PDB file of N, CA and C in Angstrom:
ATOM      1  N   MET A   1      -9.463  -4.221 -16.857  1.00  0.00           N
ATOM      2  CA  MET A   1     -10.058  -2.679 -16.751  1.00  0.00           C
ATOM      3  C   MET A   1      -9.458  -2.965 -15.136  1.00  0.00           C
ATOM      4  N   ILE A   2      -8.669  -1.570 -15.074  1.00  0.00           N
ATOM      5  CA  ILE A   2      -7.708  -0.882 -14.042  1.00  0.00           C
ATOM      6  C   ILE A   2      -8.315   0.445 -13.341  1.00  0.00           C
ATOM      7  N   ASP A   3      -8.741   0.542 -12.044  1.00  0.00           N
ATOM      8  CA  ASP A   3      -9.240   1.525 -11.588  1.00  0.00           C
ATOM      9  C   ASP A   3      -8.647   1.658 -10.302  1.00  0.00           C
ATOM     10  N   PRO A   4      -7.376   2.609 -10.374  1.00  0.00           N
ATOM     11  CA  PRO A   4      -6.494   2.884  -9.684  1.00  0.00           C
ATOM     12  C   PRO A   4      -7.189   3.333  -7.846  1.00  0.00           C
ATOM     13  N   VAL A   5      -8.398   4.110  -8.165  1.00  0.00           N
ATOM     14  CA  VAL A   5      -9.209   4.609  -7.003  1.00  0.00           C
ATOM     15  C   VAL A   5      -9.663   3.467  -5.854  1.00  0.00           C
ATOM     16  N   LEU A   6     -10.732   2.738  -7.152  1.00  0.00           N
ATOM     17  CA  LEU A   6     -11.162   1.331  -6.195  1.00  0.00           C
ATOM     18  C   LEU A   6     -10.275   1.008  -5.703  1.00  0.00           C
ATOM     19  N   ASP A   7      -8.610   0.454  -6.761  1.00  0.00           N
ATOM     20  CA  ASP A   7      -7.643  -0.408  -6.157  1.00  0.00           C
ATOM     21  C   ASP A   7      -7.097   0.147  -4.823  1.00  0.00           C
ATOM     22  N   ARG A   8      -6.929   1.451  -4.774  1.00  0.00           N
ATOM     23  CA  ARG A   8      -6.076   2.095  -3.564  1.00  0.00           C
ATOM     24  C   ARG A   8      -7.440   1.829  -2.261  1.00  0.00           C
ATOM     25  N   THR A   9      -8.250   2.171  -2.464  1.00  0.00           N
ATOM     26  CA  THR A   9      -9.523   1.844  -1.513  1.00  0.00           C
ATOM     27  C   THR A   9      -9.411   0.451  -0.970  1.00  0.00           C
ATOM     28  N   ILE A  10      -9.750  -0.688  -1.775  1.00  0.00           N
ATOM     29  CA  ILE A  10      -9.376  -2.014  -1.510  1.00  0.00           C
ATOM     30  C   ILE A  10      -8.001  -2.245  -0.943  1.00  0.00           C
ATOM     31  N   ASP A  11      -6.986  -1.702  -1.120  1.00  0.00           N
ATOM     32  CA  ASP A  11      -5.692  -2.052  -0.602  1.00  0.00           C
ATOM     33  C   ASP A  11      -5.912  -1.417   1.029  1.00  0.00           C
ATOM     34  N   ARG A  12      -6.378  -0.379   0.917  1.00  0.00           N
ATOM     35  CA  ARG A  12      -6.488   0.149   2.093  1.00  0.00           C
ATOM     36  C   ARG A  12      -7.404  -0.744   3.499  1.00  0.00           C
ATOM     37  N   PHE A  13      -8.579  -0.924   3.220  1.00  0.00           N
ATOM     38  CA  PHE A  13      -9.317  -2.155   3.380  1.00  0.00           C
ATOM     39  C   PHE A  13      -8.646  -3.198   3.881  1.00  0.00           C
ATOM     40  N   ASP A  14      -8.174  -3.790   2.706  1.00  0.00           N
ATOM     41  CA  ASP A  14      -7.697  -5.328   3.057  1.00  0.00           C
ATOM     42  C   ASP A  14      -6.340  -5.020   3.877  1.00  0.00           C
ATOM     43  N   ALA A  15      -5.805  -3.877   4.158  1.00  0.00           N
ATOM     44  CA  ALA A  15      -4.994  -3.683   5.175  1.00  0.00           C
ATOM     45  C   ALA A  15      -5.463  -3.309   6.956  1.00  0.00           C
ATOM     46  N   PHE A  16      -6.315  -2.981   6.711  1.00  0.00           N
ATOM     47  CA  PHE A  16      -7.576  -2.875   8.103  1.00  0.00           C
ATOM     48  C   PHE A  16      -7.940  -3.975   8.309  1.00  0.00           C
ATOM     49  N   ALA A  17      -8.627  -4.869   7.149  1.00  0.00           N
ATOM     50  CA  ALA A  17      -9.227  -6.332   7.707  1.00  0.00           C
ATOM     51  C   ALA A  17      -8.112  -6.961   8.277  1.00  0.00           C
ATOM     52  N   LEU A  18      -6.922  -7.508   7.506  1.00  0.00           N
ATOM     53  CA  LEU A  18      -5.833  -7.786   7.486  1.00  0.00           C
ATOM     54  C   LEU A  18      -5.508  -7.883   9.440  1.00  0.00           C
ATOM     55  N   ARG A  19      -5.120  -6.984   9.952  1.00  0.00           N
ATOM     56  CA  ARG A  19      -4.721  -6.189  10.994  1.00  0.00           C
ATOM     57  C   ARG A  19      -5.606  -6.474  12.409  1.00  0.00           C
ATOM     58  N   TYR A  20      -7.157  -6.649  11.858  1.00  0.00           N
ATOM     59  CA  TYR A  20      -8.308  -6.756  12.885  1.00  0.00           C
ATOM     60  C   TYR A  20      -8.616  -7.901  12.650  1.00  0.00           C
ATOM     61  N   ARG A  21      -8.183  -8.794  11.319  1.00  0.00           N
ATOM     62  CA  ARG A  21      -9.530 -10.087  11.059  1.00  0.00           C
ATOM     63  C   ARG A  21      -9.958 -10.487  12.509  1.00  0.00           C
ATOM     64  N   ARG A  22      -9.289 -11.061  13.275  1.00  0.00           N
ATOM     65  CA  ARG A  22     -10.483 -11.863  14.198  1.00  0.00           C
ATOM     66  C   ARG A  22     -11.483 -10.509  14.974  1.00  0.00           C
ATOM     67  N   VAL A  23     -10.893  -9.693  15.392  1.00  0.00           N
ATOM     68  CA  VAL A  23     -12.084  -8.460  15.514  1.00  0.00           C
ATOM     69  C   VAL A  23     -13.133  -8.463  14.751  1.00  0.00           C
ATOM     70  N   LEU A  24     -12.618  -8.261  13.738  1.00  0.00           N
ATOM     71  CA  LEU A  24     -13.997  -8.356  12.738  1.00  0.00           C
ATOM     72  C   LEU A  24     -14.913  -9.275  12.251  1.00  0.00           C
ATOM     73  N   ALA A  25     -14.374 -10.413  12.521  1.00  0.00           N
ATOM     74  CA  ALA A  25     -15.002 -11.707  12.214  1.00  0.00           C
ATOM     75  C   ALA A  25     -15.670 -12.033  12.943  1.00  0.00           C
ATOM     76  N   ILE A  26     -15.035 -11.651  14.888  1.00  0.00           N
ATOM     77  CA  ILE A  26     -16.061 -11.923  16.114  1.00  0.00           C
ATOM     78  C   ILE A  26     -17.407 -11.040  16.009  1.00  0.00           C
ATOM     79  N   LEU A  27     -17.247  -9.659  15.702  1.00  0.00           N
ATOM     80  CA  LEU A  27     -18.334  -8.386  15.277  1.00  0.00           C
ATOM     81  C   LEU A  27     -19.236  -8.808  14.484  1.00  0.00           C
ATOM     82  N   GLY A  28     -19.093  -9.519  13.331  1.00  0.00           N
ATOM     83  CA  GLY A  28     -19.675 -10.003  12.850  1.00  0.00           C
ATOM     84  C   GLY A  28     -20.522 -10.733  12.648  1.00  0.00           C
ATOM     85  N   GLY A  29     -19.933 -11.521  13.298  1.00  0.00           N
ATOM     86  CA  GLY A  29     -20.648 -12.902  14.311  1.00  0.00           C
ATOM     87  C   GLY A  29     -21.595 -12.726  15.210  1.00  0.00           C
ATOM     88  N   ILE A  30     -20.838 -11.795  15.806  1.00  0.00           N
ATOM     89  CA  ILE A  30     -22.214 -11.883  17.105  1.00  0.00           C
ATOM     90  C   ILE A  30     -22.962 -10.640  16.402  1.00  0.00           C
ATOM     91  N   TRP A  31     -22.770  -9.741  15.733  1.00  0.00           N
ATOM     92  CA  TRP A  31     -24.182  -9.158  14.374  1.00  0.00           C
ATOM     93  C   TRP A  31     -25.049  -9.663  14.086  1.00  0.00           C
ATOM     94  N   LEU A  32     -24.988 -10.409  13.168  1.00  0.00           N
ATOM     95  CA  LEU A  32     -25.714 -11.499  12.527  1.00  0.00           C
ATOM     96  C   LEU A  32     -26.508 -12.301  13.739  1.00  0.00           C
ATOM     97  N   VAL A  33     -25.962 -13.177  14.855  1.00  0.00           N
ATOM     98  CA  VAL A  33     -26.311 -13.657  16.068  1.00  0.00           C
ATOM     99  C   VAL A  33     -27.686 -12.885  16.488  1.00  0.00           C
ATOM    100  N   ILE A  34     -27.066 -11.699  17.089  1.00  0.00           N
ATOM    101  CA  ILE A  34     -27.963 -11.086  17.710  1.00  0.00           C
ATOM    102  C   ILE A  34     -28.779 -10.623  16.917  1.00  0.00           C
ATOM    103  N   SER A  35     -28.938 -10.384  15.671  1.00  0.00           N
ATOM    104  CA  SER A  35     -29.733  -9.854  14.736  1.00  0.00           C
ATOM    105  C   SER A  35     -31.186 -10.984  14.506  1.00  0.00           C
ATOM    106  N   TRP A  36     -30.786 -11.918  14.373  1.00  0.00           N
ATOM    107  CA  TRP A  36     -31.358 -13.093  14.050  1.00  0.00           C
ATOM    108  C   TRP A  36     -31.908 -13.691  15.611  1.00  0.00           C
ATOM    109  N   ALA A  37     -31.008 -13.288  16.394  1.00  0.00           N
ATOM    110  CA  ALA A  37     -32.149 -13.991  17.436  1.00  0.00           C
ATOM    111  C   ALA A  37     -33.327 -13.057  17.972  1.00  0.00           C
ATOM    112  N   SER A  38     -32.738 -11.648  17.869  1.00  0.00           N
ATOM    113  CA  SER A  38     -34.340 -10.883  18.028  1.00  0.00           C
ATOM    114  C   SER A  38     -35.107 -10.694  17.713  1.00  0.00           C
ATOM    115  N   SER A  39     -34.883 -10.702  16.052  1.00  0.00           N
ATOM    116  CA  SER A  39     -36.116 -11.216  14.982  1.00  0.00           C
ATOM    117  C   SER A  39     -37.008 -12.646  15.668  1.00  0.00           C
ATOM    118  N   ALA A  40     -36.481 -13.091  15.811  1.00  0.00           N
ATOM    119  CA  ALA A  40     -36.849 -14.417  15.892  1.00  0.00           C
ATOM    120  C   ALA A  40     -37.973 -14.526  17.279  1.00  0.00           C
ATOM    121  N   GLY A  41     -37.681 -13.500  18.481  1.00  0.00           N
ATOM    122  CA  GLY A  41     -37.881 -13.530  19.009  1.00  0.00           C
ATOM    123  C   GLY A  41     -36.944 -14.524  20.885  1.00  0.00           C
ATOM    124  N   TRP A  42     -36.022 -14.779  20.248  1.00  0.00           N
ATOM    125  CA  TRP A  42     -35.503 -15.658  21.183  1.00  0.00           C
ATOM    126  C   TRP A  42     -34.439 -14.814  22.299  1.00  0.00           C
ATOM    127  N   VAL A  43     -34.594 -13.820  21.809  1.00  0.00           N
ATOM    128  CA  VAL A  43     -34.079 -12.929  22.873  1.00  0.00           C
ATOM    129  C   VAL A  43     -34.922 -11.136  23.115  1.00  0.00           C
ATOM    130  N   ARG A  44     -35.091 -10.574  24.224  1.00  0.00           N
ATOM    131  CA  ARG A  44     -35.870  -9.467  24.227  1.00  0.00           C
ATOM    132  C   ARG A  44     -34.720  -8.587  24.263  1.00  0.00           C
ATOM    133  N   LEU A  45     -34.328  -7.829  23.518  1.00  0.00           N
ATOM    134  CA  LEU A  45     -33.974  -6.630  23.309  1.00  0.00           C
ATOM    135  C   LEU A  45     -34.381  -5.318  22.845  1.00  0.00           C
ATOM    136  N   PRO A  46     -33.834  -3.726  23.232  1.00  0.00           N
ATOM    137  CA  PRO A  46     -34.916  -2.711  23.053  1.00  0.00           C
ATOM    138  C   PRO A  46     -34.367  -2.452  21.880  1.00  0.00           C
ATOM    139  N   GLU A  47     -35.578  -1.724  21.220  1.00  0.00           N
ATOM    140  CA  GLU A  47     -35.543  -1.771  19.048  1.00  0.00           C
ATOM    141  C   GLU A  47     -33.688  -0.626  19.016  1.00  0.00           C
ATOM    142  N   ILE A  48     -32.817  -1.706  18.645  1.00  0.00           N
ATOM    143  CA  ILE A  48     -31.734  -0.598  17.984  1.00  0.00           C
ATOM    144  C   ILE A  48     -31.488  -1.169  16.546  1.00  0.00           C
ATOM    145  N   PRO A  49     -31.555   0.375  16.105  1.00  0.00           N
ATOM    146  CA  PRO A  49     -31.688   0.787  14.284  1.00  0.00           C
ATOM    147  C   PRO A  49     -30.174  -0.243  13.628  1.00  0.00           C
ATOM    148  N   LEU A  50     -30.559  -1.337  12.987  1.00  0.00           N
ATOM    149  CA  LEU A  50     -29.355  -1.983  12.135  1.00  0.00           C
ATOM    150  C   LEU A  50     -28.992  -3.013  13.228  1.00  0.00           C
ATOM    151  N   LEU A  51     -29.455  -3.242  14.442  1.00  0.00           N
ATOM    152  CA  LEU A  51     -29.127  -4.307  15.029  1.00  0.00           C
ATOM    153  C   LEU A  51     -29.990  -5.350  15.353  1.00  0.00           C
ATOM    154  N   THR A  52     -31.177  -4.651  15.894  1.00  0.00           N
ATOM    155  CA  THR A  52     -32.325  -5.703  16.212  1.00  0.00           C
ATOM    156  C   THR A  52     -33.408  -5.414  15.079  1.00  0.00           C
ATOM    157  N   GLY A  53     -33.980  -6.540  15.408  1.00  0.00           N
ATOM    158  CA  GLY A  53     -35.319  -6.586  14.712  1.00  0.00           C
ATOM    159  C   GLY A  53     -35.274  -6.947  13.394  1.00  0.00           C
ATOM    160  N   THR A  54     -36.413  -6.406  12.243  1.00  0.00           N
ATOM    161  CA  THR A  54     -36.273  -6.965  11.088  1.00  0.00           C
ATOM    162  C   THR A  54     -35.293  -5.847  10.590  1.00  0.00           C
ATOM    163  N   SER A  55     -34.933  -4.852  10.624  1.00  0.00           N
ATOM    164  CA  SER A  55     -34.054  -3.946  10.054  1.00  0.00           C
ATOM    165  C   SER A  55     -32.480  -4.397  10.495  1.00  0.00           C
ATOM    166  N   GLY A  56     -32.571  -5.119  11.765  1.00  0.00           N
ATOM    167  CA  GLY A  56     -31.001  -5.737  11.798  1.00  0.00           C
ATOM    168  C   GLY A  56     -30.953  -6.878  11.125  1.00  0.00           C
ATOM    169  N   VAL A  57     -31.742  -7.645  10.789  1.00  0.00           N
ATOM    170  CA  VAL A  57     -31.831  -8.973  10.100  1.00  0.00           C
ATOM    171  C   VAL A  57     -31.293  -8.428   8.809  1.00  0.00           C
ATOM    172  N   MET A  58     -32.036  -7.673   7.589  1.00  0.00           N
ATOM    173  CA  MET A  58     -31.820  -6.963   7.001  1.00  0.00           C
ATOM    174  C   MET A  58     -30.344  -6.539   6.381  1.00  0.00           C
ATOM    175  N   ALA A  59     -29.954  -5.510   7.441  1.00  0.00           N
ATOM    176  CA  ALA A  59     -28.490  -5.095   7.443  1.00  0.00           C
ATOM    177  C   ALA A  59     -27.374  -6.139   7.569  1.00  0.00           C
ATOM    178  N   SER A  60     -27.572  -6.470   8.690  1.00  0.00           N
ATOM    179  CA  SER A  60     -26.509  -8.195   8.556  1.00  0.00           C
ATOM    180  C   SER A  60     -26.620  -8.624   7.326  1.00  0.00           C
ATOM    181  N   SER A  61     -28.029  -9.148   7.111  1.00  0.00           N
ATOM    182  CA  SER A  61     -27.397 -10.295   5.907  1.00  0.00           C
ATOM    183  C   SER A  61     -27.420  -9.481   4.607  1.00  0.00           C
ATOM    184  N   ALA A  62     -27.812  -8.360   4.546  1.00  0.00           N
ATOM    185  CA  ALA A  62     -27.357  -7.211   3.692  1.00  0.00           C
ATOM    186  C   ALA A  62     -25.720  -7.609   3.628  1.00  0.00           C
ATOM    187  N   PHE A  63     -24.819  -6.956   4.516  1.00  0.00           N
ATOM    188  CA  PHE A  63     -23.493  -7.333   4.493  1.00  0.00           C
ATOM    189  C   PHE A  63     -22.924  -8.630   4.141  1.00  0.00           C
ATOM    190  N   ALA A  64     -23.645  -9.044   4.688  1.00  0.00           N
ATOM    191  CA  ALA A  64     -22.983 -10.612   4.711  1.00  0.00           C
ATOM    192  C   ALA A  64     -23.324 -11.157   2.649  1.00  0.00           C
ATOM    193  N   ALA A  65     -24.393 -10.603   2.580  1.00  0.00           N
ATOM    194  CA  ALA A  65     -24.507 -11.387   0.963  1.00  0.00           C
ATOM    195  C   ALA A  65     -23.482 -10.416   0.343  1.00  0.00           C
ATOM    196  N   LEU A  66     -23.441  -8.685   0.649  1.00  0.00           N
ATOM    197  CA  LEU A  66     -22.272  -8.505   0.057  1.00  0.00           C
ATOM    198  C   LEU A  66     -20.599  -8.554   0.061  1.00  0.00           C
ATOM    199  N   TRP A  67     -20.395  -8.841   1.455  1.00  0.00           N
ATOM    200  CA  TRP A  67     -18.956  -9.342   1.570  1.00  0.00           C
ATOM    201  C   TRP A  67     -18.651 -10.594   0.755  1.00  0.00           C
ATOM    202  N   TRP A  68     -19.705 -11.608   0.855  1.00  0.00           N
ATOM    203  CA  TRP A  68     -19.301 -13.185   0.238  1.00  0.00           C
ATOM    204  C   TRP A  68     -19.283 -12.957  -1.082  1.00  0.00           C
ATOM    205  N   SER A  69     -20.435 -12.118  -2.133  1.00  0.00           N
ATOM    206  CA  SER A  69     -20.686 -11.804  -3.285  1.00  0.00           C
ATOM    207  C   SER A  69     -19.703 -10.964  -4.073  1.00  0.00           C
ATOM    208  N   TRP A  70     -19.012 -10.268  -3.654  1.00  0.00           N
ATOM    209  CA  TRP A  70     -18.916  -8.728  -4.175  1.00  0.00           C
ATOM    210  C   TRP A  70     -17.337  -8.185  -3.097  1.00  0.00           C
ATOM    211  N   LEU A  71     -17.027  -8.143  -2.325  1.00  0.00           N
ATOM    212  CA  LEU A  71     -16.351  -7.742  -1.691  1.00  0.00           C
ATOM    213  C   LEU A  71     -15.389  -8.559  -1.610  1.00  0.00           C
ATOM    214  N   ASN A  72     -15.227  -9.776  -0.964  1.00  0.00           N
ATOM    215  CA  ASN A  72     -14.006 -10.864  -0.726  1.00  0.00           C
ATOM    216  C   ASN A  72     -13.362 -10.914  -1.846  1.00  0.00           C
ATOM    217  N   PRO A  73     -14.113 -11.741  -2.679  1.00  0.00           N
ATOM    218  CA  PRO A  73     -13.768 -11.545  -3.932  1.00  0.00           C
ATOM    219  C   PRO A  73     -12.838 -10.722  -4.758  1.00  0.00           C
ATOM    220  N   ARG A  74     -13.564  -9.725  -4.795  1.00  0.00           N
ATOM    221  CA  ARG A  74     -12.463  -8.234  -5.419  1.00  0.00           C
ATOM    222  C   ARG A  74     -11.328  -7.979  -5.075  1.00  0.00           C
ATOM    223  N   ILE A  75     -11.478  -7.999  -2.876  1.00  0.00           N
ATOM    224  CA  ILE A  75     -10.204  -8.010  -2.282  1.00  0.00           C
ATOM    225  C   ILE A  75      -8.937  -9.417  -2.822  1.00  0.00           C
ATOM    226  N   ASN A  76      -9.577 -10.250  -3.128  1.00  0.00           N
ATOM    227  CA  ASN A  76      -8.755 -11.278  -3.356  1.00  0.00           C
ATOM    228  C   ASN A  76      -7.733 -11.453  -4.225  1.00  0.00           C
ATOM    229  N   LYS A  77      -9.116 -10.687  -5.639  1.00  0.00           N
ATOM    230  CA  LYS A  77      -8.254 -10.767  -7.008  1.00  0.00           C
ATOM    231  C   LYS A  77      -7.507  -9.360  -6.929  1.00  0.00           C
ATOM    232  N   ARG A  78      -7.497  -8.385  -6.086  1.00  0.00           N
ATOM    233  CA  ARG A  78      -6.785  -7.291  -5.832  1.00  0.00           C
ATOM    234  C   ARG A  78      -5.462  -8.208  -5.098  1.00  0.00           C
ATOM    235  N   ARG A  79      -5.580  -8.786  -4.188  1.00  0.00           N
ATOM    236  CA  ARG A  79      -4.359  -9.291  -3.413  1.00  0.00           C
ATOM    237  C   ARG A  79      -3.365 -10.361  -4.104  1.00  0.00           C
ATOM    238  N   VAL A  80      -3.765 -11.065  -4.953  1.00  0.00           N
ATOM    239  CA  VAL A  80      -3.282 -11.814  -6.025  1.00  0.00           C
ATOM    240  C   VAL A  80      -2.592 -10.928  -7.344  1.00  0.00           C
ATOM    241  N   ALA A  81      -3.186 -10.030  -7.551  1.00  0.00           N
ATOM    242  CA  ALA A  81      -2.547  -8.782  -8.634  1.00  0.00           C
ATOM    243  C   ALA A  81      -1.441  -7.977  -8.512  1.00  0.00           C
ATOM    244  N   ARG A  82      -1.829  -7.506  -6.790  1.00  0.00           N
ATOM    245  CA  ARG A  82      -0.913  -6.705  -6.221  1.00  0.00           C
ATOM    246  C   ARG A  82       0.687  -7.668  -5.891  1.00  0.00           C
ATOM    247  N   ASP A  83       0.110  -8.700  -5.308  1.00  0.00           N
ATOM    248  CA  ASP A  83       1.717  -9.646  -5.011  1.00  0.00           C
ATOM    249  C   ASP A  83       1.841 -10.150  -6.375  1.00  0.00           C
ATOM    250  N   ALA A  84       1.725 -10.333  -7.259  1.00  0.00           N
ATOM    251  CA  ALA A  84       2.261 -10.869  -8.807  1.00  0.00           C
ATOM    252  C   ALA A  84       3.131  -9.544  -9.326  1.00  0.00           C
ATOM    253  N   ALA A  85       2.641  -8.254  -8.881  1.00  0.00           N
ATOM    254  CA  ALA A  85       3.310  -7.499  -9.408  1.00  0.00           C
ATOM    255  C   ALA A  85       4.314  -7.179  -8.458  1.00  0.00           C
ATOM    256  N   GLN A  86       4.419  -7.126  -7.356  1.00  0.00           N
ATOM    257  CA  GLN A  86       5.654  -7.005  -6.009  1.00  0.00           C
ATOM    258  C   GLN A  86       6.761  -8.238  -7.023  1.00  0.00           C
ATOM    259  N   LEU A  87       6.380  -9.185  -7.389  1.00  0.00           N
ATOM    260  CA  LEU A  87       7.179 -10.526  -7.488  1.00  0.00           C
ATOM    261  C   LEU A  87       7.859 -10.012  -8.513  1.00  0.00           C
ATOM    262  N   GLN A  88       7.058  -9.089  -9.657  1.00  0.00           N
ATOM    263  CA  GLN A  88       7.467  -8.947 -11.052  1.00  0.00           C
ATOM    264  C   GLN A  88       8.427  -7.804 -10.429  1.00  0.00           C
ATOM    265  N   GLU A  89       8.164  -7.133  -9.749  1.00  0.00           N
ATOM    266  CA  GLU A  89       9.147  -6.072  -9.769  1.00  0.00           C
ATOM    267  C   GLU A  89      10.493  -6.624  -9.412  1.00  0.00           C
ATOM    268  N   THR A  90      10.155  -6.982  -8.271  1.00  0.00           N
ATOM    269  CA  THR A  90      11.450  -8.034  -7.262  1.00  0.00           C
ATOM    270  C   THR A  90      12.382  -8.780  -8.270  1.00  0.00           C
ATOM    271  N   GLU A  91      11.994  -9.370  -9.329  1.00  0.00           N
ATOM    272  CA  GLU A  91      12.533  -9.978 -10.134  1.00  0.00           C
ATOM    273  C   GLU A  91      13.193  -9.354 -10.908  1.00  0.00           C
ATOM    274  N   LEU A  92      12.762  -8.164 -11.426  1.00  0.00           N
ATOM    275  CA  LEU A  92      13.422  -7.329 -12.365  1.00  0.00           C
ATOM    276  C   LEU A  92      14.295  -6.605 -12.057  1.00  0.00           C
ATOM    277  N   THR A  93      14.790  -6.445 -10.485  1.00  0.00           N
ATOM    278  CA  THR A  93      15.731  -5.462  -9.651  1.00  0.00           C
ATOM    279  C   THR A  93      16.806  -6.073  -9.476  1.00  0.00           C
ATOM    280  N   ASN A  94      16.236  -7.807  -8.896  1.00  0.00           N
ATOM    281  CA  ASN A  94      17.741  -8.610  -8.977  1.00  0.00           C
ATOM    282  C   ASN A  94      17.791  -9.352  -9.608  1.00  0.00           C
ATOM    283  N   GLY A  95      17.217  -9.334 -10.885  1.00  0.00           N
ATOM    284  CA  GLY A  95      17.871 -10.558 -12.290  1.00  0.00           C
ATOM    285  C   GLY A  95      18.183  -9.848 -13.777  1.00  0.00           C
TER     286      GLY A  95
END
């Protein structure tokens, strides 16, 4: 099943994520650690929606679950399909 709109969106997200891979990984890790530490009471921070307390734990956990269960596999699948199409196009023009 080909969805060109979803594929273009995934391609744009993939290009952005590849460019800023290290920064995004660090920010995601910090978000997860801060949300869990503040929820556990190890760190006292003012209530910041989606960062501290229960809402932070829920948001960071939901994002991590969404990333590992759907987004990352979908991006990898699209990357493989895109690379295969480029390889096939290259073979047709060269051969």
